[in-house]
């Protein structure tokens, strides 16, 4: 009987799955909409305002213990113009107790954390290796993560491919030194 040979395993290809770099993406949200006051405009529309005095009072009364050692995302989920200083004031209030404070959207937070984990890769283990960056994943991987990974790997690897071992798209091949 013929033995089944795993040619992919014998090829020396190294597969990188960006899902492996997701790490913990749990975080707490501070939604600035909670600090806004609704006002009726002459047109009958409703707008949201941030009033400095009441905002400062609310920030001062904020129970920061619930954010202890956690990643905190400062965001606003309603259409409102929030002054930059409001995010800054909240971050100063939380920075000494939270693991980290980030302003933006959940998508931005996700991208930032993934990028930081990619930056921690020991690139030496890929020196002169043929690398496949896995294409299919169960979780959504931001496009920028793929481009950042390629940029980091290029000086180290022999080649970079994208996809699955059975069907790859060649992206980069180091030129032989003459």
Protein backbone atom coordinates (compact mmCIF):
# COMPACT_ATOMS: atom_id res chain seq x y z
CA UNK A 1 0.00 0.00 0.00
CA UNK A 2 1.24 3.48 -0.88
CA UNK A 3 2.00 5.77 2.00
CA UNK A 4 0.28 9.17 1.92
CA UNK A 5 2.91 11.89 1.86
CA UNK A 6 2.15 15.40 3.07
CA UNK A 7 4.06 17.37 0.47
CA UNK A 8 3.10 20.69 2.03
CA UNK A 9 4.70 19.71 5.34
CA UNK A 10 7.85 18.59 3.52
CA UNK A 11 8.05 21.74 1.38
CA UNK A 12 9.49 23.92 4.12
CA UNK A 13 6.67 26.42 3.73
CA UNK A 14 5.71 28.39 6.81
CA UNK A 15 2.08 29.43 7.07
CA UNK A 16 1.13 32.57 8.97
CA UNK A 17 -2.48 32.93 10.04
CA UNK A 18 -3.23 36.49 11.11
CA UNK A 19 -6.02 35.19 13.36
CA UNK A 20 -3.22 33.93 15.61
CA UNK A 21 -2.26 37.54 16.31
CA UNK A 22 -5.67 38.77 17.37
CA UNK A 23 -5.02 38.19 21.06
CA UNK A 24 -7.55 39.53 23.51
CA UNK A 25 -9.85 42.06 21.95
CA UNK A 26 -12.03 42.61 24.99
CA UNK A 27 -12.46 46.21 25.97
CA UNK A 28 -14.78 48.64 27.75
CA UNK A 29 -16.51 51.50 25.99
CA UNK A 30 -17.06 55.02 27.23
CA UNK A 31 -19.64 56.47 24.85
CA UNK A 32 -19.56 60.25 24.84
CA UNK A 33 -23.21 60.31 23.81
CA UNK A 34 -23.94 59.81 27.53
CA UNK A 35 -22.39 63.21 28.22
CA UNK A 36 -24.35 65.08 25.53
CA UNK A 37 -27.46 67.16 25.94
CA UNK A 38 -30.19 67.07 23.30
CA UNK A 39 -31.50 70.42 22.07
CA UNK A 40 -34.24 71.30 19.60
CA UNK A 41 -33.13 73.40 16.67
CA UNK A 42 -35.37 76.06 15.10
CA UNK A 43 -35.80 73.68 12.17
CA UNK A 44 -37.40 71.15 14.51
CA UNK A 45 -34.42 68.81 14.26
CA UNK A 46 -32.63 67.58 17.35
CA UNK A 47 -28.93 68.21 17.88
CA UNK A 48 -26.55 67.04 20.56
CA UNK A 49 -24.29 69.43 22.43
CA UNK A 50 -21.49 68.95 24.84
CA UNK A 51 -21.52 71.65 27.49
CA UNK A 52 -18.12 72.07 29.07
CA UNK A 53 -19.19 72.74 32.65
CA UNK A 54 -21.60 69.80 32.93
CA UNK A 55 -19.18 67.55 31.02
CA UNK A 56 -16.36 68.31 33.45
CA UNK A 57 -18.68 67.62 36.38
CA UNK A 58 -19.77 64.27 34.90
CA UNK A 59 -16.18 63.26 34.20
CA UNK A 60 -15.23 64.14 37.78
CA UNK A 61 -18.05 61.90 39.10
CA UNK A 62 -17.25 59.01 36.77
CA UNK A 63 -16.76 55.69 38.58
CA UNK A 64 -13.38 54.79 37.16
CA UNK A 65 -12.98 51.54 39.13
CA UNK A 66 -14.94 49.64 36.48
CA UNK A 67 -12.14 50.45 33.99
CA UNK A 68 -9.31 49.20 36.19
CA UNK A 69 -6.66 47.31 34.16
CA UNK A 70 -8.89 47.24 31.07
CA UNK A 71 -8.55 48.58 27.56
CA UNK A 72 -10.94 51.51 27.28
CA UNK A 73 -12.34 52.78 23.99
CA UNK A 74 -13.56 56.37 23.96
CA UNK A 75 -16.11 56.80 21.20
CA UNK A 76 -19.35 58.54 20.30
CA UNK A 77 -22.17 56.54 18.74
CA UNK A 78 -24.36 59.49 17.76
CA UNK A 79 -23.78 62.10 15.10
CA UNK A 80 -22.32 64.97 17.08
CA UNK A 81 -19.34 67.28 16.92
CA UNK A 82 -17.25 66.48 19.97
CA UNK A 83 -14.33 68.77 20.72
CA UNK A 84 -10.95 67.08 20.83
CA UNK A 85 -10.33 68.25 24.38
CA UNK A 86 -13.29 66.16 25.59
CA UNK A 87 -11.56 62.93 24.54
CA UNK A 88 -8.33 64.22 26.05
CA UNK A 89 -9.98 65.06 29.38
CA UNK A 90 -11.56 61.61 29.61
CA UNK A 91 -8.29 59.89 28.72
CA UNK A 92 -6.49 61.82 31.46
CA UNK A 93 -9.15 60.76 33.96
CA UNK A 94 -8.82 57.08 33.00
CA UNK A 95 -5.14 56.75 32.07
CA UNK A 96 -3.82 55.99 35.55
CA UNK A 97 -6.29 53.16 36.19
CA UNK A 98 -6.97 51.65 32.75
CA UNK A 99 -4.55 49.33 31.00
CA UNK A 100 -4.89 51.59 27.99
CA UNK A 101 -7.18 54.32 26.65
CA UNK A 102 -7.85 54.70 22.93
CA UNK A 103 -10.14 57.13 21.10
CA UNK A 104 -11.92 56.06 17.94
CA UNK A 105 -14.13 53.29 16.62
CA UNK A 106 -14.16 49.61 17.56
CA UNK A 107 -12.71 48.89 14.11
CA UNK A 108 -9.78 51.23 14.75
CA UNK A 109 -9.12 49.63 18.13
CA UNK A 110 -9.19 46.17 16.57
CA UNK A 111 -6.73 47.24 13.85
CA UNK A 112 -4.40 48.89 16.32
CA UNK A 113 -4.25 45.89 18.65
CA UNK A 114 -3.71 43.49 15.76
CA UNK A 115 -0.97 45.70 14.30
CA UNK A 116 0.82 45.87 17.65
CA UNK A 117 0.75 42.07 17.92
CA UNK A 118 2.16 41.77 14.40
CA UNK A 119 4.98 44.14 15.40
CA UNK A 120 6.01 41.66 18.12
CA UNK A 121 6.74 38.85 15.65
CA UNK A 122 10.24 37.37 15.89
CA UNK A 123 11.18 38.01 12.28
CA UNK A 124 14.43 36.06 12.51
CA UNK A 125 12.54 32.76 12.51
CA UNK A 126 11.40 33.60 8.97
CA UNK A 127 14.88 34.38 7.63
CA UNK A 128 15.32 32.82 4.18
CA UNK A 129 12.05 30.89 4.52
CA UNK A 130 9.15 30.58 2.11
CA UNK A 131 6.08 32.07 3.78
CA UNK A 132 2.40 31.72 3.01
CA UNK A 133 0.10 34.30 4.54
CA UNK A 134 -3.16 32.46 5.08
CA UNK A 135 -6.03 33.88 3.08
CA UNK A 136 -9.12 32.34 4.60
CA UNK A 137 -10.01 33.12 8.18
CA UNK A 138 -13.00 32.76 10.43
CA UNK A 139 -12.66 36.31 11.75
CA UNK A 140 -12.41 39.43 9.65
CA UNK A 141 -8.82 40.56 9.29
CA UNK A 142 -8.30 44.22 8.35
CA UNK A 143 -6.63 44.73 4.99
CA UNK A 144 -3.93 46.89 6.56
CA UNK A 145 -2.78 43.93 8.66
CA UNK A 146 -1.83 42.00 5.53
CA UNK A 147 0.10 44.92 4.08
CA UNK A 148 1.92 45.59 7.36
CA UNK A 149 2.88 41.93 7.69
CA UNK A 150 4.28 41.85 4.14
CA UNK A 151 6.31 44.99 4.79
CA UNK A 152 7.81 43.49 7.94
CA UNK A 153 8.57 40.11 6.39
CA UNK A 154 10.10 41.24 3.08
CA UNK A 155 13.66 41.91 4.32
CA UNK A 156 13.81 38.48 5.98
CA UNK A 157 12.06 35.94 3.78
CA UNK A 158 12.93 34.09 0.61
CA UNK A 159 9.37 34.43 -0.69
CA UNK A 160 5.88 35.53 0.28
CA UNK A 161 2.72 33.90 -0.99
CA UNK A 162 -0.93 34.48 -0.19
CA UNK A 163 -3.70 31.92 0.13
CA UNK A 164 -3.66 28.29 1.15
CA UNK A 165 -0.81 25.80 0.62
CA UNK A 166 -2.81 24.05 -2.11
CA UNK A 167 -3.50 27.30 -3.98
CA UNK A 168 -1.23 30.27 -3.46
CA UNK A 169 -0.69 33.59 -5.18
CA UNK A 170 3.02 34.45 -5.36
CA UNK A 171 3.65 37.99 -4.13
CA UNK A 172 7.38 38.34 -3.58
CA UNK A 173 10.55 36.43 -4.33
CA UNK A 174 13.97 37.57 -3.16
CA UNK A 175 16.32 38.06 -6.06
CA UNK A 176 19.50 36.00 -5.98
CA UNK A 177 22.63 38.00 -5.22
CA UNK A 178 25.09 37.87 -8.10
